[in-house]
C-alpha atoms as a PDB file:
ATOM      1  CA  MET A   1     -36.683 -39.530 -18.757  1.00  0.00           C
ATOM      2  CA  ALA A   2     -33.878 -38.273 -21.153  1.00  0.00           C
ATOM      3  CA  GLU A   3     -35.840 -36.199 -22.873  1.00  0.00           C
ATOM      4  CA  ASN A   4     -36.635 -34.007 -19.673  1.00  0.00           C
ATOM      5  CA  THR A   5     -32.981 -33.206 -18.770  1.00  0.00           C
ATOM      6  CA  THR A   6     -31.062 -30.446 -20.507  1.00  0.00           C
ATOM      7  CA  THR A   7     -27.881 -31.332 -22.061  1.00  0.00           C
ATOM      8  CA  LEU A   8     -24.547 -29.333 -22.365  1.00  0.00           C
ATOM      9  CA  ASP A   9     -25.411 -29.472 -26.096  1.00  0.00           C
ATOM     10  CA  ASN A  10     -28.923 -28.444 -25.865  1.00  0.00           C
ATOM     11  CA  VAL A  11     -27.757 -24.995 -23.425  1.00  0.00           C
ATOM     12  CA  LYS A  12     -24.923 -24.291 -25.910  1.00  0.00           C
ATOM     13  CA  ASP A  13     -27.261 -24.224 -28.761  1.00  0.00           C
ATOM     14  CA  ALA A  14     -30.152 -22.247 -26.947  1.00  0.00           C
ATOM     15  CA  ALA A  15     -27.566 -19.794 -25.919  1.00  0.00           C
ATOM     16  CA  GLY A  16     -26.011 -19.307 -29.726  1.00  0.00           C
ATOM     17  CA  GLY A  17     -22.753 -20.013 -31.292  1.00  0.00           C
ATOM     18  CA  ARG A  18     -19.296 -19.730 -29.737  1.00  0.00           C
ATOM     19  CA  TRP A  19     -18.867 -16.285 -31.025  1.00  0.00           C
ATOM     20  CA  GLU A  20     -22.425 -15.228 -29.777  1.00  0.00           C
ATOM     21  CA  ARG A  21     -21.535 -16.284 -26.402  1.00  0.00           C
ATOM     22  CA  THR A  22     -18.165 -14.890 -26.261  1.00  0.00           C
ATOM     23  CA  ARG A  23     -19.603 -11.361 -27.338  1.00  0.00           C
ATOM     24  CA  LEU A  24     -22.638 -12.015 -24.857  1.00  0.00           C
ATOM     25  CA  PHE A  25     -19.823 -12.613 -22.196  1.00  0.00           C
ATOM     26  CA  LEU A  26     -17.782  -9.402 -23.026  1.00  0.00           C
ATOM     27  CA  SER A  27     -20.833  -7.018 -22.803  1.00  0.00           C
ATOM     28  CA  GLU A  28     -21.955  -8.593 -19.460  1.00  0.00           C
ATOM     29  CA  VAL A  29     -18.259  -7.650 -18.362  1.00  0.00           C
ATOM     30  CA  ARG A  30     -18.264  -4.570 -19.778  1.00  0.00           C
ATOM     31  CA  ASN A  31     -21.533  -3.675 -17.734  1.00  0.00           C
ATOM     32  CA  GLU A  32     -20.249  -4.932 -14.556  1.00  0.00           C
ATOM     33  CA  LEU A  33     -17.026  -2.783 -14.848  1.00  0.00           C
ATOM     34  CA  LYS A  34     -19.480   0.171 -14.882  1.00  0.00           C
ATOM     35  CA  ARG A  35     -20.716  -0.889 -11.839  1.00  0.00           C
ATOM     36  CA  VAL A  36     -17.357  -0.831 -10.084  1.00  0.00           C
ATOM     37  CA  THR A  37     -16.582   1.509  -7.348  1.00  0.00           C
ATOM     38  CA  TRP A  38     -12.603   2.624  -8.283  1.00  0.00           C
ATOM     39  CA  PRO A  39     -10.787   3.855  -5.364  1.00  0.00           C
ATOM     40  CA  SER A  40      -9.318   7.240  -5.609  1.00  0.00           C
ATOM     41  CA  ARG A  41      -5.744   7.944  -5.881  1.00  0.00           C
ATOM     42  CA  LYS A  42      -5.324   9.042  -2.250  1.00  0.00           C
ATOM     43  CA  GLU A  43      -6.849   6.058  -1.183  1.00  0.00           C
ATOM     44  CA  VAL A  44      -4.284   3.922  -3.209  1.00  0.00           C
ATOM     45  CA  TYR A  45      -1.777   5.589  -1.610  1.00  0.00           C
ATOM     46  CA  ALA A  46      -2.549   5.318   1.709  1.00  0.00           C
ATOM     47  CA  THR A  47      -3.258   1.156   1.487  1.00  0.00           C
ATOM     48  CA  THR A  48      -0.165   0.713  -0.337  1.00  0.00           C
ATOM     49  CA  VAL A  49       1.528   2.437   2.542  1.00  0.00           C
ATOM     50  CA  VAL A  50       0.236   0.745   5.054  1.00  0.00           C
ATOM     51  CA  VAL A  51       0.814  -2.682   3.124  1.00  0.00           C
ATOM     52  CA  ILE A  52       4.633  -1.660   2.916  1.00  0.00           C
ATOM     53  CA  LEU A  53       4.760  -0.819   6.618  1.00  0.00           C
ATOM     54  CA  THR A  54       2.975  -3.837   7.665  1.00  0.00           C
ATOM     55  CA  SER A  55       5.244  -5.888   5.636  1.00  0.00           C
ATOM     56  CA  LEU A  56       8.315  -4.291   6.785  1.00  0.00           C
ATOM     57  CA  PHE A  57       7.445  -4.587  10.249  1.00  0.00           C
ATOM     58  CA  PHE A  58       6.312  -8.348  10.122  1.00  0.00           C
ATOM     59  CA  GLY A  59       9.445  -8.597   8.437  1.00  0.00           C
ATOM     60  CA  LEU A  60      11.647  -7.295  11.078  1.00  0.00           C
ATOM     61  CA  TYR A  61       9.885  -8.889  13.591  1.00  0.00           C
ATOM     62  CA  LEU A  62      10.174 -12.408  12.074  1.00  0.00           C
ATOM     63  CA  PHE A  63      14.033 -11.765  11.906  1.00  0.00           C
ATOM     64  CA  VAL A  64      14.266 -10.782  14.868  1.00  0.00           C
ATOM     65  CA  LEU A  65      12.473 -13.883  16.079  1.00  0.00           C
ATOM     66  CA  ASP A  66      14.469 -16.126  14.176  1.00  0.00           C
ATOM     67  CA  TYR A  67      17.900 -14.600  15.096  1.00  0.00           C
ATOM     68  CA  GLY A  68      16.496 -15.421  18.822  1.00  0.00           C
ATOM     69  CA  VAL A  69      15.629 -19.096  18.139  1.00  0.00           C
ATOM     70  CA  ASN A  70      18.688 -19.846  16.648  1.00  0.00           C
ATOM     71  CA  THR A  71      20.953 -18.319  19.388  1.00  0.00           C
ATOM     72  CA  LEU A  72      19.097 -20.345  21.711  1.00  0.00           C
ATOM     73  CA  ILE A  73      19.252 -23.503  19.633  1.00  0.00           C
ATOM     74  CA  GLN A  74      23.167 -23.062  18.690  1.00  0.00           C
ATOM     75  CA  TRP A  75      23.580 -21.922  22.755  1.00  0.00           C
ATOM     76  CA  ILE A  76      21.689 -25.643  23.964  1.00  0.00           C
ATOM     77  CA  PHE A  77      23.973 -27.210  21.403  1.00  0.00           C
ATOM     78  CA  THR A  78      27.204 -26.151  22.717  1.00  0.00           C
ATOM     79  CA  ARG A  79      25.892 -26.105  26.241  1.00  0.00           C
ATOM     80  CA  PHE A  80      25.519 -29.929  25.719  1.00  0.00           C
ATOM     81  CA  GLY A  81      28.547 -30.970  23.901  1.00  0.00           C
ATOM     82  CA  ALA A  82      26.867 -31.282  20.376  1.00  0.00           C
ATOM     83  CA  ALA A  83      28.668 -30.484  17.306  1.00  0.00           C
END
């Protein structure tokens, strides 16, 4: 039964040494990067603006919400005699 199983050592031996596997990996990375569709400058600019505006909107929204809840809690504490 042990003869039929492939161990990690057998896989390493079949793929070559460490340097050969590294070279193969980098070659595959280079081939994959050639297939990538990179965004244009206009697309990057547009998505960056969307991210910045969305962050500002939610930052302002959460600030207002936090301020309102804090004011409500302080009013409740002073109304009912807490310090």
